[in-house]
């Protein structure tokens, strides 16, 4: 692929990339548990479901509880983080190809 085409592809990726302020690093973890109340429906197999985000902080893994009201937003932010990370990898590859490609047209020098 020629240099101009790589630059056009790179710009297309940048336009589709989530904004840096709209990301969250972590993995979603769903915990199902019993509450301990003797007459609760969780005793019949309908366990209580809680959403957590697993993160590593200073080498220590932590689970952070996410309230129900924030679940959708947290899922979106984590998805954006993964999209941003993938876009950065692709842009880095394109930039490496552009920088190491033999120069053919004077406009790009």
C-alpha atoms as a PDB file:
ATOM      1  CA  UNK A   1       0.000   0.000   0.000  1.00  0.00           C
ATOM      2  CA  UNK A   2       1.382   3.414  -0.880  1.00  0.00           C
ATOM      3  CA  UNK A   3       2.035   6.124   1.686  1.00  0.00           C
ATOM      4  CA  UNK A   4      -0.906   8.343   0.692  1.00  0.00           C
ATOM      5  CA  UNK A   5      -3.347   5.448   1.113  1.00  0.00           C
ATOM      6  CA  UNK A   6      -1.904   4.651   4.544  1.00  0.00           C
ATOM      7  CA  UNK A   7      -2.358   8.270   5.613  1.00  0.00           C
ATOM      8  CA  UNK A   8      -5.985   8.265   4.423  1.00  0.00           C
ATOM      9  CA  UNK A   9      -6.668   5.017   6.337  1.00  0.00           C
ATOM     10  CA  UNK A  10      -5.020   6.459   9.447  1.00  0.00           C
ATOM     11  CA  UNK A  11      -7.218   9.563   9.285  1.00  0.00           C
ATOM     12  CA  UNK A  12     -10.343   7.406   8.922  1.00  0.00           C
ATOM     13  CA  UNK A  13      -9.391   5.452  12.056  1.00  0.00           C
ATOM     14  CA  UNK A  14      -8.765   8.658  13.999  1.00  0.00           C
ATOM     15  CA  UNK A  15     -12.229   9.987  13.076  1.00  0.00           C
ATOM     16  CA  UNK A  16     -13.911   6.798  14.347  1.00  0.00           C
ATOM     17  CA  UNK A  17     -11.883   6.582  17.578  1.00  0.00           C
ATOM     18  CA  UNK A  18     -13.670   7.379  20.867  1.00  0.00           C
ATOM     19  CA  UNK A  19     -12.598  10.564  22.627  1.00  0.00           C
ATOM     20  CA  UNK A  20      -9.930  10.097  25.269  1.00  0.00           C
ATOM     21  CA  UNK A  21     -12.197  11.315  28.083  1.00  0.00           C
ATOM     22  CA  UNK A  22     -14.799   8.642  27.352  1.00  0.00           C
ATOM     23  CA  UNK A  23     -12.869   5.504  28.309  1.00  0.00           C
ATOM     24  CA  UNK A  24     -12.425   3.267  31.331  1.00  0.00           C
ATOM     25  CA  UNK A  25      -9.875   0.487  31.722  1.00  0.00           C
ATOM     26  CA  UNK A  26     -11.077  -2.731  33.301  1.00  0.00           C
ATOM     27  CA  UNK A  27     -13.026  -5.914  32.785  1.00  0.00           C
ATOM     28  CA  UNK A  28     -16.653  -6.501  33.660  1.00  0.00           C
ATOM     29  CA  UNK A  29     -17.281  -9.196  36.250  1.00  0.00           C
ATOM     30  CA  UNK A  30     -20.774 -10.421  37.152  1.00  0.00           C
ATOM     31  CA  UNK A  31     -21.096 -11.934  40.621  1.00  0.00           C
ATOM     32  CA  UNK A  32     -24.120 -14.078  41.525  1.00  0.00           C
ATOM     33  CA  UNK A  33     -24.605 -14.800  45.210  1.00  0.00           C
ATOM     34  CA  UNK A  34     -26.947 -15.719  48.016  1.00  0.00           C
ATOM     35  CA  UNK A  35     -27.904 -12.989  50.479  1.00  0.00           C
ATOM     36  CA  UNK A  36     -28.321 -15.170  53.559  1.00  0.00           C
ATOM     37  CA  UNK A  37     -31.988 -14.373  54.282  1.00  0.00           C
ATOM     38  CA  UNK A  38     -33.810 -17.649  54.906  1.00  0.00           C
ATOM     39  CA  UNK A  39     -36.967 -16.834  52.883  1.00  0.00           C
ATOM     40  CA  UNK A  40     -35.337 -14.962  49.974  1.00  0.00           C
ATOM     41  CA  UNK A  41     -35.919 -16.150  46.413  1.00  0.00           C
ATOM     42  CA  UNK A  42     -32.151 -16.599  46.003  1.00  0.00           C
ATOM     43  CA  UNK A  43     -32.596 -19.812  48.015  1.00  0.00           C
ATOM     44  CA  UNK A  44     -34.723 -21.194  45.138  1.00  0.00           C
ATOM     45  CA  UNK A  45     -31.904 -20.617  42.634  1.00  0.00           C
ATOM     46  CA  UNK A  46     -32.519 -16.957  41.692  1.00  0.00           C
ATOM     47  CA  UNK A  47     -29.225 -15.572  42.946  1.00  0.00           C
ATOM     48  CA  UNK A  48     -28.630 -11.850  43.360  1.00  0.00           C
ATOM     49  CA  UNK A  49     -26.586 -10.380  40.504  1.00  0.00           C
ATOM     50  CA  UNK A  50     -24.022  -7.615  40.986  1.00  0.00           C
ATOM     51  CA  UNK A  51     -21.746  -5.989  38.454  1.00  0.00           C
ATOM     52  CA  UNK A  52     -18.123  -5.200  39.260  1.00  0.00           C
ATOM     53  CA  UNK A  53     -15.193  -3.844  37.302  1.00  0.00           C
ATOM     54  CA  UNK A  54     -11.924  -5.686  37.757  1.00  0.00           C
ATOM     55  CA  UNK A  55      -8.892  -3.384  37.633  1.00  0.00           C
ATOM     56  CA  UNK A  56      -5.257  -3.631  38.489  1.00  0.00           C
ATOM     57  CA  UNK A  57      -3.950  -0.829  40.683  1.00  0.00           C
ATOM     58  CA  UNK A  58      -0.225  -0.827  41.499  1.00  0.00           C
ATOM     59  CA  UNK A  59      -0.012  -4.539  40.697  1.00  0.00           C
ATOM     60  CA  UNK A  60      -3.006  -5.476  42.875  1.00  0.00           C
ATOM     61  CA  UNK A  61      -6.258  -6.668  41.304  1.00  0.00           C
ATOM     62  CA  UNK A  62      -9.349  -5.024  42.722  1.00  0.00           C
ATOM     63  CA  UNK A  63     -13.071  -5.414  42.161  1.00  0.00           C
ATOM     64  CA  UNK A  64     -15.041  -2.171  42.197  1.00  0.00           C
ATOM     65  CA  UNK A  65     -18.831  -2.399  42.634  1.00  0.00           C
ATOM     66  CA  UNK A  66     -20.893  -0.689  39.930  1.00  0.00           C
ATOM     67  CA  UNK A  67     -24.421   0.420  40.913  1.00  0.00           C
ATOM     68  CA  UNK A  68     -27.249  -0.654  38.588  1.00  0.00           C
ATOM     69  CA  UNK A  69     -27.819   2.943  37.472  1.00  0.00           C
ATOM     70  CA  UNK A  70     -24.261   3.091  36.067  1.00  0.00           C
ATOM     71  CA  UNK A  71     -24.021  -0.331  34.406  1.00  0.00           C
ATOM     72  CA  UNK A  72     -24.832   0.794  30.856  1.00  0.00           C
ATOM     73  CA  UNK A  73     -22.412   3.735  30.994  1.00  0.00           C
ATOM     74  CA  UNK A  74     -19.606   1.581  32.431  1.00  0.00           C
ATOM     75  CA  UNK A  75     -20.089  -1.013  29.678  1.00  0.00           C
ATOM     76  CA  UNK A  76     -19.887   1.764  27.073  1.00  0.00           C
ATOM     77  CA  UNK A  77     -16.741   3.283  28.613  1.00  0.00           C
ATOM     78  CA  UNK A  78     -14.963  -0.082  28.789  1.00  0.00           C
ATOM     79  CA  UNK A  79     -15.965  -0.802  25.181  1.00  0.00           C
ATOM     80  CA  UNK A  80     -14.576   2.599  24.190  1.00  0.00           C
ATOM     81  CA  UNK A  81     -11.293   1.774  25.945  1.00  0.00           C
ATOM     82  CA  UNK A  82     -10.942  -1.411  23.912  1.00  0.00           C
ATOM     83  CA  UNK A  83     -11.766   0.435  20.673  1.00  0.00           C
ATOM     84  CA  UNK A  84      -9.240   3.153  21.508  1.00  0.00           C
ATOM     85  CA  UNK A  85      -6.549   0.600  22.301  1.00  0.00           C
ATOM     86  CA  UNK A  86      -7.174  -1.238  19.011  1.00  0.00           C
ATOM     87  CA  UNK A  87      -7.137   2.057  17.098  1.00  0.00           C
ATOM     88  CA  UNK A  88      -3.819   3.063  18.702  1.00  0.00           C
ATOM     89  CA  UNK A  89      -2.282  -0.255  17.655  1.00  0.00           C
ATOM     90  CA  UNK A  90      -3.504   0.172  14.072  1.00  0.00           C
ATOM     91  CA  UNK A  91      -2.354   3.799  13.865  1.00  0.00           C
ATOM     92  CA  UNK A  92       1.044   2.811  15.242  1.00  0.00           C
ATOM     93  CA  UNK A  93       1.375   0.119  12.548  1.00  0.00           C
ATOM     94  CA  UNK A  94       0.359   2.577   9.817  1.00  0.00           C
ATOM     95  CA  UNK A  95       2.816   5.187  11.120  1.00  0.00           C
ATOM     96  CA  UNK A  96       5.633   2.628  11.110  1.00  0.00           C
ATOM     97  CA  UNK A  97       4.832   1.758   7.483  1.00  0.00           C
ATOM     98  CA  UNK A  98       4.672   5.441   6.499  1.00  0.00           C
ATOM     99  CA  UNK A  99       7.993   6.242   8.214  1.00  0.00           C
ATOM    100  CA  UNK A 100       9.827   3.268   6.721  1.00  0.00           C
ATOM    101  CA  UNK A 101       8.321   3.388   3.218  1.00  0.00           C
ATOM    102  CA  UNK A 102      10.585   4.470   0.396  1.00  0.00           C
ATOM    103  CA  UNK A 103       9.775   8.066  -0.559  1.00  0.00           C
ATOM    104  CA  UNK A 104       8.357   8.302  -4.066  1.00  0.00           C
ATOM    105  CA  UNK A 105       6.500  11.581  -4.206  1.00  0.00           C
ATOM    106  CA  UNK A 106       8.045  14.844  -3.122  1.00  0.00           C
ATOM    107  CA  UNK A 107       4.810  16.156  -1.530  1.00  0.00           C
ATOM    108  CA  UNK A 108       5.104  13.754   1.437  1.00  0.00           C
ATOM    109  CA  UNK A 109       8.770  14.515   2.234  1.00  0.00           C
END
